[in-house]
Amino acid sequence: MTVKKDLEKALAAAQAAKGTYATFATSTDDQGAQTMFEQMAQDMDRHIAQLNSRVSETSETKLSNRQQE
C-alpha cells in the first residue's frame, strides 16, 4: 500500500470517529459527557485538517516527481 493510500485510510477513520463523537454528544443528557464528546469531535477536525494537508503534500510531490522524469 502506498503512503497516500495509508493516509487516505487514516483520514477516513478520523472522519468516522468525528461522526461517532458527534453522535455520542447528541445522544446523551449528561452535560459533562456531551461537552467531552464535542471537544473530541473538534480535536478530530484538527486531525482531519492535518491529514488532508499531508495527502495534498504527497500528491504534489508525486506530481512533481512525474514531471521531472
Protein backbone atom coordinates (compact mmCIF):
# COMPACT_ATOMS: atom_id res chain seq x y z
CA MET A 1 0.00 0.00 0.00
CA THR A 2 1.27 3.48 -0.79
CA VAL A 3 1.78 6.27 1.68
CA LYS A 4 -1.09 8.18 0.06
CA LYS A 5 -3.43 5.20 0.41
CA ASP A 6 -2.43 4.80 4.07
CA LEU A 7 -3.10 8.49 4.68
CA GLU A 8 -6.48 8.22 2.96
CA LYS A 9 -7.37 5.27 5.23
CA ALA A 10 -6.35 7.29 8.29
CA LEU A 11 -8.39 10.23 7.01
CA ALA A 12 -11.48 8.05 6.57
CA ALA A 13 -11.03 6.64 10.08
CA ALA A 14 -10.68 10.15 11.55
CA GLN A 15 -13.83 11.29 9.77
CA ALA A 16 -15.70 8.24 11.05
CA ALA A 17 -14.50 8.89 14.60
CA LYS A 18 -15.61 12.52 14.36
CA GLY A 19 -19.09 11.37 13.31
CA THR A 20 -19.23 8.88 16.14
CA TYR A 21 -18.23 11.50 18.71
CA ALA A 22 -20.80 13.95 17.34
CA THR A 23 -23.48 11.25 17.58
CA PHE A 24 -22.47 10.48 21.16
CA ALA A 25 -22.65 14.18 22.02
CA THR A 26 -26.22 14.49 20.77
CA SER A 27 -27.30 11.15 22.28
CA THR A 28 -26.55 11.91 25.91
CA ASP A 29 -28.29 14.01 28.50
CA ASP A 30 -25.13 14.17 30.62
CA GLN A 31 -23.77 17.69 30.06
CA GLY A 32 -20.24 16.69 31.05
CA ALA A 33 -20.20 13.79 28.60
CA GLN A 34 -21.76 15.97 25.90
CA THR A 35 -19.02 18.58 26.32
CA MET A 36 -16.34 15.88 26.28
CA PHE A 37 -17.62 14.34 23.04
CA GLU A 38 -17.99 17.75 21.40
CA GLN A 39 -14.37 18.52 22.28
CA MET A 40 -13.28 15.15 20.92
CA ALA A 41 -15.10 15.89 17.65
CA GLN A 42 -13.34 19.27 17.47
CA ASP A 43 -10.00 17.54 18.06
CA MET A 44 -10.79 15.28 15.12
CA ASP A 45 -11.33 18.38 12.95
CA ARG A 46 -7.70 19.28 13.66
CA HIS A 47 -6.56 15.74 12.86
CA ILE A 48 -8.58 15.73 9.64
CA ALA A 49 -7.07 19.06 8.56
CA GLN A 50 -3.55 17.77 9.22
CA LEU A 51 -4.20 14.55 7.32
CA ASN A 52 -5.73 16.46 4.40
CA SER A 53 -2.66 18.66 4.30
CA ARG A 54 -0.38 15.65 4.24
CA VAL A 55 -2.42 13.96 1.50
CA SER A 56 -2.12 17.13 -0.57
CA GLU A 57 1.63 17.29 0.01
CA THR A 58 2.12 13.69 -1.09
CA SER A 59 0.01 14.29 -4.20
CA GLU A 60 2.03 17.39 -5.10
CA THR A 61 5.32 15.57 -4.52
CA LYS A 62 4.22 12.66 -6.69
CA LEU A 63 3.12 15.03 -9.46
CA SER A 64 6.40 16.94 -9.24
CA ASN A 65 8.40 13.70 -9.44
CA ARG A 66 6.47 12.63 -12.54
CA GLN A 67 7.11 15.96 -14.26
CA GLN A 68 10.85 15.64 -13.65
CA GLU A 69 11.05 12.21 -15.34
